[in-house]
Amino acid sequence: MEERLVIKRKDFKKLERYAENIYNTAVVIDYFCSSQKEYEKLYNLAPVVKNLRKDADQVNAFFINYPESIDE
């Protein structure tokens, strides 16, 4: 049986903003790490950051695509 969590619209919007901020930060870090190839430590972090960006993108997409009918 699936358990449902009820989130108020105000809290949902707050989580949505956090997800968007995390995604935007991951995009900037991904670009920085992948463009600084002369620094080995940053270059080595690039795959980890790329996975973080992918996961952040999925979370952000969830909030973007979520139906507007949220219980107050």
PDB file of N, CA and C in Angstrom:
ATOM      1  N   MET A   1       0.838  -1.182   0.000  1.00  0.00           N
ATOM      2  CA  MET A   1       0.000   0.000   0.000  1.00  0.00           C
ATOM      3  C   MET A   1       0.882   1.245   0.000  1.00  0.00           C
ATOM      4  N   GLU A   2       0.591   2.143  -0.892  1.00  0.00           N
ATOM      5  CA  GLU A   2       1.393   3.368  -1.015  1.00  0.00           C
ATOM      6  C   GLU A   2       0.918   4.419  -0.018  1.00  0.00           C
ATOM      7  N   GLU A   3       1.868   4.966   0.716  1.00  0.00           N
ATOM      8  CA  GLU A   3       1.544   6.012   1.681  1.00  0.00           C
ATOM      9  C   GLU A   3       1.618   7.365   0.989  1.00  0.00           C
ATOM     10  N   ARG A   4       0.610   8.208   1.222  1.00  0.00           N
ATOM     11  CA  ARG A   4       0.573   9.531   0.591  1.00  0.00           C
ATOM     12  C   ARG A   4       0.912  10.597   1.607  1.00  0.00           C
ATOM     13  N   LEU A   5       1.650  11.558   1.170  1.00  0.00           N
ATOM     14  CA  LEU A   5       2.035  12.687   2.001  1.00  0.00           C
ATOM     15  C   LEU A   5       1.281  13.917   1.508  1.00  0.00           C
ATOM     16  N   VAL A   6       0.611  14.607   2.407  1.00  0.00           N
ATOM     17  CA  VAL A   6      -0.141  15.805   2.039  1.00  0.00           C
ATOM     18  C   VAL A   6       0.712  17.027   2.372  1.00  0.00           C
ATOM     19  N   ILE A   7       0.980  17.824   1.348  1.00  0.00           N
ATOM     20  CA  ILE A   7       1.808  19.021   1.509  1.00  0.00           C
ATOM     21  C   ILE A   7       0.966  20.234   1.134  1.00  0.00           C
ATOM     22  N   LYS A   8       0.995  21.234   1.967  1.00  0.00           N
ATOM     23  CA  LYS A   8       0.262  22.468   1.675  1.00  0.00           C
ATOM     24  C   LYS A   8       0.908  23.175   0.492  1.00  0.00           C
ATOM     25  N   ARG A   9       0.098  23.939  -0.241  1.00  0.00           N
ATOM     26  CA  ARG A   9       0.588  24.643  -1.432  1.00  0.00           C
ATOM     27  C   ARG A   9       1.798  25.523  -1.112  1.00  0.00           C
ATOM     28  N   LYS A  10       1.750  26.240   0.010  1.00  0.00           N
ATOM     29  CA  LYS A  10       2.857  27.127   0.392  1.00  0.00           C
ATOM     30  C   LYS A  10       4.153  26.329   0.561  1.00  0.00           C
ATOM     31  N   ASP A  11       4.062  25.182   1.230  1.00  0.00           N
ATOM     32  CA  ASP A  11       5.240  24.339   1.439  1.00  0.00           C
ATOM     33  C   ASP A  11       5.710  23.711   0.131  1.00  0.00           C
ATOM     34  N   PHE A  12       4.749  23.346  -0.723  1.00  0.00           N
ATOM     35  CA  PHE A  12       5.092  22.772  -2.021  1.00  0.00           C
ATOM     36  C   PHE A  12       5.875  23.781  -2.859  1.00  0.00           C
ATOM     37  N   LYS A  13       5.401  25.024  -2.868  1.00  0.00           N
ATOM     38  CA  LYS A  13       6.086  26.076  -3.634  1.00  0.00           C
ATOM     39  C   LYS A  13       7.495  26.305  -3.094  1.00  0.00           C
ATOM     40  N   LYS A  14       7.650  26.221  -1.775  1.00  0.00           N
ATOM     41  CA  LYS A  14       8.967  26.387  -1.162  1.00  0.00           C
ATOM     42  C   LYS A  14       9.905  25.261  -1.611  1.00  0.00           C
ATOM     43  N   LEU A  15       9.417  24.023  -1.596  1.00  0.00           N
ATOM     44  CA  LEU A  15      10.214  22.890  -2.066  1.00  0.00           C
ATOM     45  C   LEU A  15      10.542  23.030  -3.550  1.00  0.00           C
ATOM     46  N   GLU A  16       9.588  23.547  -4.310  1.00  0.00           N
ATOM     47  CA  GLU A  16       9.808  23.767  -5.743  1.00  0.00           C
ATOM     48  C   GLU A  16      10.943  24.766  -5.969  1.00  0.00           C
ATOM     49  N   ARG A  17      10.969  25.840  -5.195  1.00  0.00           N
ATOM     50  CA  ARG A  17      12.048  26.835  -5.314  1.00  0.00           C
ATOM     51  C   ARG A  17      13.396  26.226  -4.930  1.00  0.00           C
ATOM     52  N   TYR A  18      13.410  25.423  -3.867  1.00  0.00           N
ATOM     53  CA  TYR A  18      14.654  24.756  -3.466  1.00  0.00           C
ATOM     54  C   TYR A  18      15.162  23.840  -4.580  1.00  0.00           C
ATOM     55  N   ALA A  19      14.262  23.060  -5.180  1.00  0.00           N
ATOM     56  CA  ALA A  19      14.648  22.154  -6.264  1.00  0.00           C
ATOM     57  C   ALA A  19      15.221  22.931  -7.444  1.00  0.00           C
ATOM     58  N   GLU A  20      14.601  24.053  -7.775  1.00  0.00           N
ATOM     59  CA  GLU A  20      15.094  24.878  -8.882  1.00  0.00           C
ATOM     60  C   GLU A  20      16.467  25.467  -8.557  1.00  0.00           C
ATOM     61  N   ASN A  21      16.650  25.931  -7.332  1.00  0.00           N
ATOM     62  CA  ASN A  21      17.949  26.486  -6.928  1.00  0.00           C
ATOM     63  C   ASN A  21      19.044  25.425  -6.953  1.00  0.00           C
ATOM     64  N   ILE A  22      18.724  24.228  -6.477  1.00  0.00           N
ATOM     65  CA  ILE A  22      19.702  23.135  -6.494  1.00  0.00           C
ATOM     66  C   ILE A  22      20.068  22.791  -7.930  1.00  0.00           C
ATOM     67  N   TYR A  23      19.081  22.716  -8.803  1.00  0.00           N
ATOM     68  CA  TYR A  23      19.346  22.415 -10.208  1.00  0.00           C
ATOM     69  C   TYR A  23      20.231  23.489 -10.842  1.00  0.00           C
ATOM     70  N   ASN A  24      19.894  24.747 -10.628  1.00  0.00           N
ATOM     71  CA  ASN A  24      20.685  25.834 -11.212  1.00  0.00           C
ATOM     72  C   ASN A  24      22.117  25.827 -10.690  1.00  0.00           C
ATOM     73  N   THR A  25      22.291  25.544  -9.410  1.00  0.00           N
ATOM     74  CA  THR A  25      23.637  25.461  -8.836  1.00  0.00           C
ATOM     75  C   THR A  25      24.409  24.297  -9.452  1.00  0.00           C
ATOM     76  N   ALA A  26      23.744  23.156  -9.619  1.00  0.00           N
ATOM     77  CA  ALA A  26      24.396  21.992 -10.224  1.00  0.00           C
ATOM     78  C   ALA A  26      24.814  22.276 -11.663  1.00  0.00           C
ATOM     79  N   VAL A  27      24.004  23.022 -12.400  1.00  0.00           N
ATOM     80  CA  VAL A  27      24.347  23.377 -13.785  1.00  0.00           C
ATOM     81  C   VAL A  27      25.620  24.222 -13.811  1.00  0.00           C
ATOM     82  N   VAL A  28      25.703  25.210 -12.934  1.00  0.00           N
ATOM     83  CA  VAL A  28      26.883  26.085 -12.889  1.00  0.00           C
ATOM     84  C   VAL A  28      28.125  25.286 -12.498  1.00  0.00           C
ATOM     85  N   ILE A  29      28.008  24.441 -11.480  1.00  0.00           N
ATOM     86  CA  ILE A  29      29.156  23.639 -11.037  1.00  0.00           C
ATOM     87  C   ILE A  29      29.576  22.665 -12.131  1.00  0.00           C
ATOM     88  N   ASP A  30      28.606  22.052 -12.809  1.00  0.00           N
ATOM     89  CA  ASP A  30      28.911  21.126 -13.901  1.00  0.00           C
ATOM     90  C   ASP A  30      29.681  21.838 -15.009  1.00  0.00           C
ATOM     91  N   TYR A  31      29.214  23.001 -15.394  1.00  0.00           N
ATOM     92  CA  TYR A  31      29.905  23.768 -16.435  1.00  0.00           C
ATOM     93  C   TYR A  31      31.323  24.125 -15.986  1.00  0.00           C
ATOM     94  N   PHE A  32      31.462  24.585 -14.754  1.00  0.00           N
ATOM     95  CA  PHE A  32      32.771  24.991 -14.248  1.00  0.00           C
ATOM     96  C   PHE A  32      33.735  23.807 -14.218  1.00  0.00           C
ATOM     97  N   CYS A  33      33.289  22.677 -13.674  1.00  0.00           N
ATOM     98  CA  CYS A  33      34.171  21.506 -13.574  1.00  0.00           C
ATOM     99  C   CYS A  33      34.557  20.964 -14.948  1.00  0.00           C
ATOM    100  N   SER A  34      33.611  20.928 -15.868  1.00  0.00           N
ATOM    101  CA  SER A  34      33.917  20.367 -17.185  1.00  0.00           C
ATOM    102  C   SER A  34      34.720  21.319 -18.061  1.00  0.00           C
ATOM    103  N   SER A  35      34.714  22.611 -17.742  1.00  0.00           N
ATOM    104  CA  SER A  35      35.475  23.557 -18.566  1.00  0.00           C
ATOM    105  C   SER A  35      36.869  23.840 -18.003  1.00  0.00           C
ATOM    106  N   GLN A  36      37.169  23.360 -16.818  1.00  0.00           N
ATOM    107  CA  GLN A  36      38.482  23.584 -16.192  1.00  0.00           C
ATOM    108  C   GLN A  36      39.315  22.304 -16.244  1.00  0.00           C
ATOM    109  N   LYS A  37      39.550  21.805 -17.435  1.00  0.00           N
ATOM    110  CA  LYS A  37      40.229  20.519 -17.603  1.00  0.00           C
ATOM    111  C   LYS A  37      41.691  20.544 -17.180  1.00  0.00           C
ATOM    112  N   GLU A  38      42.272  21.733 -17.072  1.00  0.00           N
ATOM    113  CA  GLU A  38      43.678  21.801 -16.664  1.00  0.00           C
ATOM    114  C   GLU A  38      43.859  21.520 -15.172  1.00  0.00           C
ATOM    115  N   TYR A  39      42.773  21.570 -14.415  1.00  0.00           N
ATOM    116  CA  TYR A  39      42.830  21.256 -12.984  1.00  0.00           C
ATOM    117  C   TYR A  39      42.308  19.835 -12.783  1.00  0.00           C
ATOM    118  N   GLU A  40      43.224  18.929 -12.504  1.00  0.00           N
ATOM    119  CA  GLU A  40      42.874  17.510 -12.448  1.00  0.00           C
ATOM    120  C   GLU A  40      41.784  17.208 -11.417  1.00  0.00           C
ATOM    121  N   LYS A  41      41.853  17.853 -10.259  1.00  0.00           N
ATOM    122  CA  LYS A  41      40.855  17.572  -9.215  1.00  0.00           C
ATOM    123  C   LYS A  41      39.455  17.971  -9.671  1.00  0.00           C
ATOM    124  N   LEU A  42      39.337  19.100 -10.346  1.00  0.00           N
ATOM    125  CA  LEU A  42      38.031  19.507 -10.872  1.00  0.00           C
ATOM    126  C   LEU A  42      37.580  18.563 -11.980  1.00  0.00           C
ATOM    127  N   TYR A  43      38.519  18.183 -12.822  1.00  0.00           N
ATOM    128  CA  TYR A  43      38.203  17.272 -13.920  1.00  0.00           C
ATOM    129  C   TYR A  43      37.717  15.923 -13.379  1.00  0.00           C
ATOM    130  N   ASN A  44      38.340  15.461 -12.279  1.00  0.00           N
ATOM    131  CA  ASN A  44      37.935  14.195 -11.665  1.00  0.00           C
ATOM    132  C   ASN A  44      36.548  14.282 -11.026  1.00  0.00           C
ATOM    133  N   LEU A  45      36.152  15.475 -10.608  1.00  0.00           N
ATOM    134  CA  LEU A  45      34.822  15.668 -10.015  1.00  0.00           C
ATOM    135  C   LEU A  45      33.713  15.742 -11.064  1.00  0.00           C
ATOM    136  N   ALA A  46      34.079  16.003 -12.289  1.00  0.00           N
ATOM    137  CA  ALA A  46      33.087  16.233 -13.348  1.00  0.00           C
ATOM    138  C   ALA A  46      32.034  15.125 -13.458  1.00  0.00           C
ATOM    139  N   PRO A  47      32.399  13.834 -13.437  1.00  0.00           N
ATOM    140  CA  PRO A  47      31.357  12.798 -13.538  1.00  0.00           C
ATOM    141  C   PRO A  47      30.386  12.799 -12.352  1.00  0.00           C
ATOM    142  N   VAL A  48      30.900  13.071 -11.160  1.00  0.00           N
ATOM    143  CA  VAL A  48      30.045  13.130  -9.969  1.00  0.00           C
ATOM    144  C   VAL A  48      29.067  14.291 -10.092  1.00  0.00           C
ATOM    145  N   VAL A  49      29.576  15.431 -10.516  1.00  0.00           N
ATOM    146  CA  VAL A  49      28.738  16.620 -10.671  1.00  0.00           C
ATOM    147  C   VAL A  49      27.709  16.401 -11.776  1.00  0.00           C
ATOM    148  N   LYS A  50      28.109  15.715 -12.832  1.00  0.00           N
ATOM    149  CA  LYS A  50      27.174  15.433 -13.928  1.00  0.00           C
ATOM    150  C   LYS A  50      26.009  14.570 -13.424  1.00  0.00           C
ATOM    151  N   ASN A  51      26.298  13.581 -12.576  1.00  0.00           N
ATOM    152  CA  ASN A  51      25.227  12.755 -11.998  1.00  0.00           C
ATOM    153  C   ASN A  51      24.346  13.573 -11.065  1.00  0.00           C
ATOM    154  N   LEU A  52      24.949  14.459 -10.284  1.00  0.00           N
ATOM    155  CA  LEU A  52      24.179  15.341  -9.409  1.00  0.00           C
ATOM    156  C   LEU A  52      23.248  16.219 -10.241  1.00  0.00           C
ATOM    157  N   ARG A  53      23.772  16.734 -11.330  1.00  0.00           N
ATOM    158  CA  ARG A  53      22.957  17.588 -12.206  1.00  0.00           C
ATOM    159  C   ARG A  53      21.786  16.802 -12.788  1.00  0.00           C
ATOM    160  N   LYS A  54      22.050  15.555 -13.196  1.00  0.00           N
ATOM    161  CA  LYS A  54      20.989  14.717 -13.760  1.00  0.00           C
ATOM    162  C   LYS A  54      19.887  14.469 -12.727  1.00  0.00           C
ATOM    163  N   ASP A  55      20.283  14.141 -11.500  1.00  0.00           N
ATOM    164  CA  ASP A  55      19.301  13.905 -10.436  1.00  0.00           C
ATOM    165  C   ASP A  55      18.534  15.183 -10.096  1.00  0.00           C
ATOM    166  N   ALA A  56      19.243  16.304 -10.025  1.00  0.00           N
ATOM    167  CA  ALA A  56      18.590  17.584  -9.736  1.00  0.00           C
ATOM    168  C   ALA A  56      17.610  17.943 -10.851  1.00  0.00           C
ATOM    169  N   ASP A  57      17.962  17.609 -12.084  1.00  0.00           N
ATOM    170  CA  ASP A  57      17.076  17.862 -13.217  1.00  0.00           C
ATOM    171  C   ASP A  57      15.785  17.057 -13.085  1.00  0.00           C
ATOM    172  N   GLN A  58      15.901  15.807 -12.652  1.00  0.00           N
ATOM    173  CA  GLN A  58      14.712  14.969 -12.490  1.00  0.00           C
ATOM    174  C   GLN A  58      13.801  15.505 -11.387  1.00  0.00           C
ATOM    175  N   VAL A  59      14.389  15.948 -10.282  1.00  0.00           N
ATOM    176  CA  VAL A  59      13.585  16.509  -9.192  1.00  0.00           C
ATOM    177  C   VAL A  59      12.904  17.796  -9.652  1.00  0.00           C
ATOM    178  N   ASN A  60      13.656  18.651 -10.324  1.00  0.00           N
ATOM    179  CA  ASN A  60      13.090  19.909 -10.816  1.00  0.00           C
ATOM    180  C   ASN A  60      11.968  19.636 -11.824  1.00  0.00           C
ATOM    181  N   ALA A  61      12.168  18.653 -12.692  1.00  0.00           N
ATOM    182  CA  ALA A  61      11.140  18.294 -13.677  1.00  0.00           C
ATOM    183  C   ALA A  61       9.879  17.780 -12.986  1.00  0.00           C
ATOM    184  N   PHE A  62      10.034  17.058 -11.883  1.00  0.00           N
ATOM    185  CA  PHE A  62       8.873  16.591 -11.126  1.00  0.00           C
ATOM    186  C   PHE A  62       8.010  17.771 -10.698  1.00  0.00           C
ATOM    187  N   PHE A  63       8.648  18.807 -10.155  1.00  0.00           N
ATOM    188  CA  PHE A  63       7.895  19.968  -9.692  1.00  0.00           C
ATOM    189  C   PHE A  63       7.283  20.744 -10.861  1.00  0.00           C
ATOM    190  N   ILE A  64       8.000  20.828 -11.961  1.00  0.00           N
ATOM    191  CA  ILE A  64       7.478  21.542 -13.131  1.00  0.00           C
ATOM    192  C   ILE A  64       6.248  20.823 -13.690  1.00  0.00           C
ATOM    193  N   ASN A  65       6.294  19.504 -13.726  1.00  0.00           N
ATOM    194  CA  ASN A  65       5.223  18.715 -14.345  1.00  0.00           C
ATOM    195  C   ASN A  65       4.117  18.306 -13.383  1.00  0.00           C
ATOM    196  N   TYR A  66       4.238  18.663 -12.108  1.00  0.00           N
ATOM    197  CA  TYR A  66       3.237  18.252 -11.122  1.00  0.00           C
ATOM    198  C   TYR A  66       1.911  18.948 -11.406  1.00  0.00           C
ATOM    199  N   PRO A  67       0.807  18.214 -11.296  1.00  0.00           N
ATOM    200  CA  PRO A  67      -0.506  18.845 -11.539  1.00  0.00           C
ATOM    201  C   PRO A  67      -0.758  19.999 -10.570  1.00  0.00           C
ATOM    202  N   GLU A  68      -1.515  20.957 -11.022  1.00  0.00           N
ATOM    203  CA  GLU A  68      -1.800  22.154 -10.219  1.00  0.00           C
ATOM    204  C   GLU A  68      -2.768  21.887  -9.072  1.00  0.00           C
ATOM    205  N   SER A  69      -3.437  20.751  -9.067  1.00  0.00           N
ATOM    206  CA  SER A  69      -4.448  20.478  -8.035  1.00  0.00           C
ATOM    207  C   SER A  69      -3.799  19.912  -6.774  1.00  0.00           C
ATOM    208  N   ILE A  70      -3.360  20.801  -5.914  1.00  0.00           N
ATOM    209  CA  ILE A  70      -2.744  20.409  -4.648  1.00  0.00           C
ATOM    210  C   ILE A  70      -3.690  20.818  -3.529  1.00  0.00           C
ATOM    211  N   ASP A  71      -3.931  19.895  -2.615  1.00  0.00           N
ATOM    212  CA  ASP A  71      -4.816  20.204  -1.482  1.00  0.00           C
ATOM    213  C   ASP A  71      -4.166  21.234  -0.579  1.00  0.00           C
ATOM    214  N   GLU A  72      -4.964  22.179  -0.112  1.00  0.00           N
ATOM    215  CA  GLU A  72      -4.451  23.235   0.780  1.00  0.00           C
ATOM    216  C   GLU A  72      -4.346  22.703   2.174  1.00  0.00           C
TER     217      GLU A  72
END
